[in-house]
PDB file of N, CA and C in Angstrom:
ATOM      1  N   MET A   1     -11.927   3.005   7.401  1.00  0.00           N
ATOM      2  CA  MET A   1     -12.410   2.856   5.981  1.00  0.00           C
ATOM      3  C   MET A   1     -12.270   4.181   5.334  1.00  0.00           C
ATOM      4  N   LYS A   2     -11.822   4.087   4.026  1.00  0.00           N
ATOM      5  CA  LYS A   2     -11.677   5.324   3.298  1.00  0.00           C
ATOM      6  C   LYS A   2     -12.326   5.066   1.974  1.00  0.00           C
ATOM      7  N   LYS A   3     -13.127   6.052   1.555  1.00  0.00           N
ATOM      8  CA  LYS A   3     -13.906   5.943   0.283  1.00  0.00           C
ATOM      9  C   LYS A   3     -13.422   6.911  -0.633  1.00  0.00           C
ATOM     10  N   SER A   4     -13.069   6.572  -1.912  1.00  0.00           N
ATOM     11  CA  SER A   4     -12.632   7.440  -2.903  1.00  0.00           C
ATOM     12  C   SER A   4     -13.301   7.234  -4.249  1.00  0.00           C
ATOM     13  N   LYS A   5     -13.480   8.278  -4.998  1.00  0.00           N
ATOM     14  CA  LYS A   5     -14.096   8.145  -6.339  1.00  0.00           C
ATOM     15  C   LYS A   5     -12.957   8.312  -7.374  1.00  0.00           C
ATOM     16  N   ILE A   6     -12.809   7.320  -8.188  1.00  0.00           N
ATOM     17  CA  ILE A   6     -11.735   7.389  -9.257  1.00  0.00           C
ATOM     18  C   ILE A   6     -12.489   7.082 -10.581  1.00  0.00           C
ATOM     19  N   GLY A   7     -12.649   8.149 -11.312  1.00  0.00           N
ATOM     20  CA  GLY A   7     -13.375   8.036 -12.587  1.00  0.00           C
ATOM     21  C   GLY A   7     -14.877   7.644 -12.204  1.00  0.00           C
ATOM     22  N   ASN A   8     -15.340   6.582 -12.859  1.00  0.00           N
ATOM     23  CA  ASN A   8     -16.677   6.072 -12.582  1.00  0.00           C
ATOM     24  C   ASN A   8     -16.701   5.062 -11.434  1.00  0.00           C
ATOM     25  N   ALA A   9     -15.536   4.759 -10.939  1.00  0.00           N
ATOM     26  CA  ALA A   9     -15.459   3.702  -9.886  1.00  0.00           C
ATOM     27  C   ALA A   9     -15.373   4.311  -8.453  1.00  0.00           C
ATOM     28  N   THR A  10     -15.978   3.694  -7.578  1.00  0.00           N
ATOM     29  CA  THR A  10     -15.806   4.048  -6.150  1.00  0.00           C
ATOM     30  C   THR A  10     -15.005   3.015  -5.470  1.00  0.00           C
ATOM     31  N   VAL A  11     -13.990   3.441  -4.857  1.00  0.00           N
ATOM     32  CA  VAL A  11     -13.010   2.500  -4.182  1.00  0.00           C
ATOM     33  C   VAL A  11     -13.159   2.626  -2.683  1.00  0.00           C
ATOM     34  N   ILE A  12     -13.349   1.567  -2.021  1.00  0.00           N
ATOM     35  CA  ILE A  12     -13.475   1.565  -0.504  1.00  0.00           C
ATOM     36  C   ILE A  12     -12.347   0.718  -0.017  1.00  0.00           C
ATOM     37  N   VAL A  13     -11.496   1.348   0.839  1.00  0.00           N
ATOM     38  CA  VAL A  13     -10.362   0.685   1.438  1.00  0.00           C
ATOM     39  C   VAL A  13     -10.613   0.445   2.912  1.00  0.00           C
ATOM     40  N   HIS A  14     -10.569  -0.809   3.293  1.00  0.00           N
ATOM     41  CA  HIS A  14     -10.784  -1.111   4.717  1.00  0.00           C
ATOM     42  C   HIS A  14      -9.389  -1.473   5.305  1.00  0.00           C
ATOM     43  N   SER A  15      -8.758  -0.475   5.933  1.00  0.00           N
ATOM     44  CA  SER A  15      -7.445  -0.641   6.480  1.00  0.00           C
ATOM     45  C   SER A  15      -7.152   0.239   7.688  1.00  0.00           C
ATOM     46  N   LYS A  16      -6.584  -0.279   8.711  1.00  0.00           N
ATOM     47  CA  LYS A  16      -6.208   0.492   9.816  1.00  0.00           C
ATOM     48  C   LYS A  16      -5.143   1.546   9.521  1.00  0.00           C
ATOM     49  N   LEU A  17      -4.452   1.410   8.424  1.00  0.00           N
ATOM     50  CA  LEU A  17      -3.470   2.340   7.963  1.00  0.00           C
ATOM     51  C   LEU A  17      -4.037   3.742   7.766  1.00  0.00           C
ATOM     52  N   TRP A  18      -5.214   3.768   7.318  1.00  0.00           N
ATOM     53  CA  TRP A  18      -5.845   5.105   7.025  1.00  0.00           C
ATOM     54  C   TRP A  18      -6.082   5.904   8.306  1.00  0.00           C
ATOM     55  N   ALA A  19      -6.179   5.229   9.462  1.00  0.00           N
ATOM     56  CA  ALA A  19      -6.428   5.901  10.675  1.00  0.00           C
ATOM     57  C   ALA A  19      -5.122   6.395  11.332  1.00  0.00           C
ATOM     58  N   MET A  20      -3.977   5.920  10.781  1.00  0.00           N
ATOM     59  CA  MET A  20      -2.662   6.286  11.365  1.00  0.00           C
ATOM     60  C   MET A  20      -2.193   7.615  10.746  1.00  0.00           C
ATOM     61  N   THR A  21      -1.299   8.298  11.540  1.00  0.00           N
ATOM     62  CA  THR A  21      -0.612   9.433  11.011  1.00  0.00           C
ATOM     63  C   THR A  21       0.406   8.979  10.076  1.00  0.00           C
ATOM     64  N   ASP A  22       1.041   9.919   9.331  1.00  0.00           N
ATOM     65  CA  ASP A  22       2.053   9.615   8.395  1.00  0.00           C
ATOM     66  C   ASP A  22       3.273   8.851   9.083  1.00  0.00           C
ATOM     67  N   GLU A  23       3.653   9.429  10.216  1.00  0.00           N
ATOM     68  CA  GLU A  23       4.777   8.830  11.039  1.00  0.00           C
ATOM     69  C   GLU A  23       4.424   7.446  11.499  1.00  0.00           C
ATOM     70  N   GLU A  24       3.171   7.202  11.952  1.00  0.00           N
ATOM     71  CA  GLU A  24       2.786   5.857  12.374  1.00  0.00           C
ATOM     72  C   GLU A  24       2.825   4.893  11.250  1.00  0.00           C
ATOM     73  N   GLN A  25       2.365   5.361  10.049  1.00  0.00           N
ATOM     74  CA  GLN A  25       2.363   4.485   8.808  1.00  0.00           C
ATOM     75  C   GLN A  25       3.797   4.094   8.490  1.00  0.00           C
ATOM     76  N   LYS A  26       4.726   5.074   8.512  1.00  0.00           N
ATOM     77  CA  LYS A  26       6.095   4.819   8.178  1.00  0.00           C
ATOM     78  C   LYS A  26       6.696   3.804   9.117  1.00  0.00           C
ATOM     79  N   LYS A  27       6.422   3.989  10.409  1.00  0.00           N
ATOM     80  CA  LYS A  27       6.951   3.064  11.416  1.00  0.00           C
ATOM     81  C   LYS A  27       6.399   1.675  11.173  1.00  0.00           C
ATOM     82  N   TRP A  28       5.080   1.604  10.961  1.00  0.00           N
ATOM     83  CA  TRP A  28       4.509   0.278  10.775  1.00  0.00           C
ATOM     84  C   TRP A  28       5.093  -0.432   9.597  1.00  0.00           C
ATOM     85  N   ILE A  29       5.167   0.303   8.432  1.00  0.00           N
ATOM     86  CA  ILE A  29       5.770  -0.322   7.253  1.00  0.00           C
ATOM     87  C   ILE A  29       7.151  -0.772   7.451  1.00  0.00           C
ATOM     88  N   LYS A  30       7.959   0.037   8.159  1.00  0.00           N
ATOM     89  CA  LYS A  30       9.348  -0.288   8.475  1.00  0.00           C
ATOM     90  C   LYS A  30       9.387  -1.586   9.245  1.00  0.00           C
ATOM     91  N   GLU A  31       8.599  -1.687  10.392  1.00  0.00           N
ATOM     92  CA  GLU A  31       8.557  -2.809  11.196  1.00  0.00           C
ATOM     93  C   GLU A  31       8.068  -4.067  10.431  1.00  0.00           C
ATOM     94  N   GLU A  32       7.026  -3.947   9.602  1.00  0.00           N
ATOM     95  CA  GLU A  32       6.534  -5.121   8.827  1.00  0.00           C
ATOM     96  C   GLU A  32       7.541  -5.530   7.852  1.00  0.00           C
ATOM     97  N   THR A  33       8.210  -4.625   7.176  1.00  0.00           N
ATOM     98  CA  THR A  33       9.308  -4.955   6.201  1.00  0.00           C
ATOM     99  C   THR A  33      10.423  -5.750   6.897  1.00  0.00           C
ATOM    100  N   GLU A  34      10.751  -5.255   8.066  1.00  0.00           N
ATOM    101  CA  GLU A  34      11.820  -6.026   8.827  1.00  0.00           C
ATOM    102  C   GLU A  34      11.411  -7.402   9.249  1.00  0.00           C
ATOM    103  N   LYS A  35      10.118  -7.576   9.491  1.00  0.00           N
ATOM    104  CA  LYS A  35       9.542  -8.912   9.844  1.00  0.00           C
ATOM    105  C   LYS A  35       9.440  -9.776   8.640  1.00  0.00           C
ATOM    106  N   GLY A  36       9.491  -9.233   7.364  1.00  0.00           N
ATOM    107  CA  GLY A  36       9.388  -9.995   6.214  1.00  0.00           C
ATOM    108  C   GLY A  36       7.971 -10.305   5.747  1.00  0.00           C
ATOM    109  N   ASN A  37       7.029  -9.192   6.029  1.00  0.00           N
ATOM    110  CA  ASN A  37       5.638  -9.357   5.672  1.00  0.00           C
ATOM    111  C   ASN A  37       5.544  -9.637   4.148  1.00  0.00           C
ATOM    112  N   PRO A  38       4.963 -10.812   3.794  1.00  0.00           N
ATOM    113  CA  PRO A  38       4.913 -11.188   2.411  1.00  0.00           C
ATOM    114  C   PRO A  38       3.971 -10.316   1.566  1.00  0.00           C
ATOM    115  N   VAL A  39       2.964  -9.742   2.192  1.00  0.00           N
ATOM    116  CA  VAL A  39       2.068  -8.856   1.408  1.00  0.00           C
ATOM    117  C   VAL A  39       2.786  -7.592   0.991  1.00  0.00           C
ATOM    118  N   LEU A  40       3.611  -7.000   1.840  1.00  0.00           N
ATOM    119  CA  LEU A  40       4.358  -5.829   1.475  1.00  0.00           C
ATOM    120  C   LEU A  40       5.285  -6.110   0.371  1.00  0.00           C
ATOM    121  N   LYS A  41       5.900  -7.303   0.432  1.00  0.00           N
ATOM    122  CA  LYS A  41       6.865  -7.715  -0.641  1.00  0.00           C
ATOM    123  C   LYS A  41       6.081  -7.745  -1.962  1.00  0.00           C
ATOM    124  N   GLU A  42       4.948  -8.330  -1.976  1.00  0.00           N
ATOM    125  CA  GLU A  42       4.130  -8.485  -3.209  1.00  0.00           C
ATOM    126  C   GLU A  42       3.744  -7.114  -3.750  1.00  0.00           C
ATOM    127  N   ILE A  43       3.378  -6.224  -2.787  1.00  0.00           N
ATOM    128  CA  ILE A  43       2.999  -4.845  -3.273  1.00  0.00           C
ATOM    129  C   ILE A  43       4.231  -4.138  -3.903  1.00  0.00           C
ATOM    130  N   ARG A  44       5.396  -4.234  -3.258  1.00  0.00           N
ATOM    131  CA  ARG A  44       6.604  -3.696  -3.854  1.00  0.00           C
ATOM    132  C   ARG A  44       6.920  -4.284  -5.213  1.00  0.00           C
ATOM    133  N   GLU A  45       6.764  -5.557  -5.393  1.00  0.00           N
ATOM    134  CA  GLU A  45       7.043  -6.180  -6.699  1.00  0.00           C
ATOM    135  C   GLU A  45       6.028  -5.729  -7.743  1.00  0.00           C
ATOM    136  N   ALA A  46       4.727  -5.493  -7.341  1.00  0.00           N
ATOM    137  CA  ALA A  46       3.732  -5.014  -8.302  1.00  0.00           C
ATOM    138  C   ALA A  46       4.073  -3.612  -8.742  1.00  0.00           C
ATOM    139  N   ILE A  47       4.531  -2.744  -7.787  1.00  0.00           N
ATOM    140  CA  ILE A  47       4.955  -1.425  -8.171  1.00  0.00           C
ATOM    141  C   ILE A  47       6.132  -1.382  -9.078  1.00  0.00           C
ATOM    142  N   LYS A  48       7.108  -2.203  -8.773  1.00  0.00           N
ATOM    143  CA  LYS A  48       8.235  -2.302  -9.666  1.00  0.00           C
ATOM    144  C   LYS A  48       7.757  -2.754 -11.057  1.00  0.00           C
ATOM    145  N   ASP A  49       6.939  -3.683 -11.135  1.00  0.00           N
ATOM    146  CA  ASP A  49       6.463  -4.164 -12.434  1.00  0.00           C
ATOM    147  C   ASP A  49       5.741  -3.073 -13.282  1.00  0.00           C
ATOM    148  N   CYS A  50       5.174  -2.113 -12.582  1.00  0.00           N
ATOM    149  CA  CYS A  50       4.491  -0.944 -13.273  1.00  0.00           C
ATOM    150  C   CYS A  50       5.465  -0.073 -13.897  1.00  0.00           C
ATOM    151  N   TYR A  51       6.622   0.079 -13.306  1.00  0.00           N
ATOM    152  CA  TYR A  51       7.704   0.924 -13.770  1.00  0.00           C
ATOM    153  C   TYR A  51       8.735   0.243 -14.655  1.00  0.00           C
ATOM    154  N   ARG A  52       8.761  -1.052 -14.721  1.00  0.00           N
ATOM    155  CA  ARG A  52       9.669  -1.750 -15.536  1.00  0.00           C
ATOM    156  C   ARG A  52       9.376  -1.547 -16.991  1.00  0.00           C
ATOM    157  N   LYS A  53      10.464  -1.303 -17.797  1.00  0.00           N
ATOM    158  CA  LYS A  53      10.268  -1.140 -19.233  1.00  0.00           C
ATOM    159  C   LYS A  53       9.809  -2.419 -19.868  1.00  0.00           C
ATOM    160  N   ARG A  54       8.884  -2.210 -20.787  1.00  0.00           N
ATOM    161  CA  ARG A  54       8.381  -3.338 -21.551  1.00  0.00           C
ATOM    162  C   ARG A  54       8.989  -3.441 -22.925  1.00  0.00           C
ATOM    163  N   ASP A  55       9.244  -4.562 -23.422  1.00  0.00           N
ATOM    164  CA  ASP A  55       9.754  -4.725 -24.837  1.00  0.00           C
ATOM    165  C   ASP A  55       8.656  -4.724 -25.785  1.00  0.00           C
TER     166      ASP A  55
END
């Protein structure tokens, strides 16, 4: 669990990724991407949408 304060909001993330080293995280993400993890795909799409130019 990781707890962060962003402005007036407190964000609590429950994820085993926080307990991993940077290298372990990269390996896990690579493996899950290769498996076709749909959640990672959705996250990537959401990130792309944030950077896509709006008309």
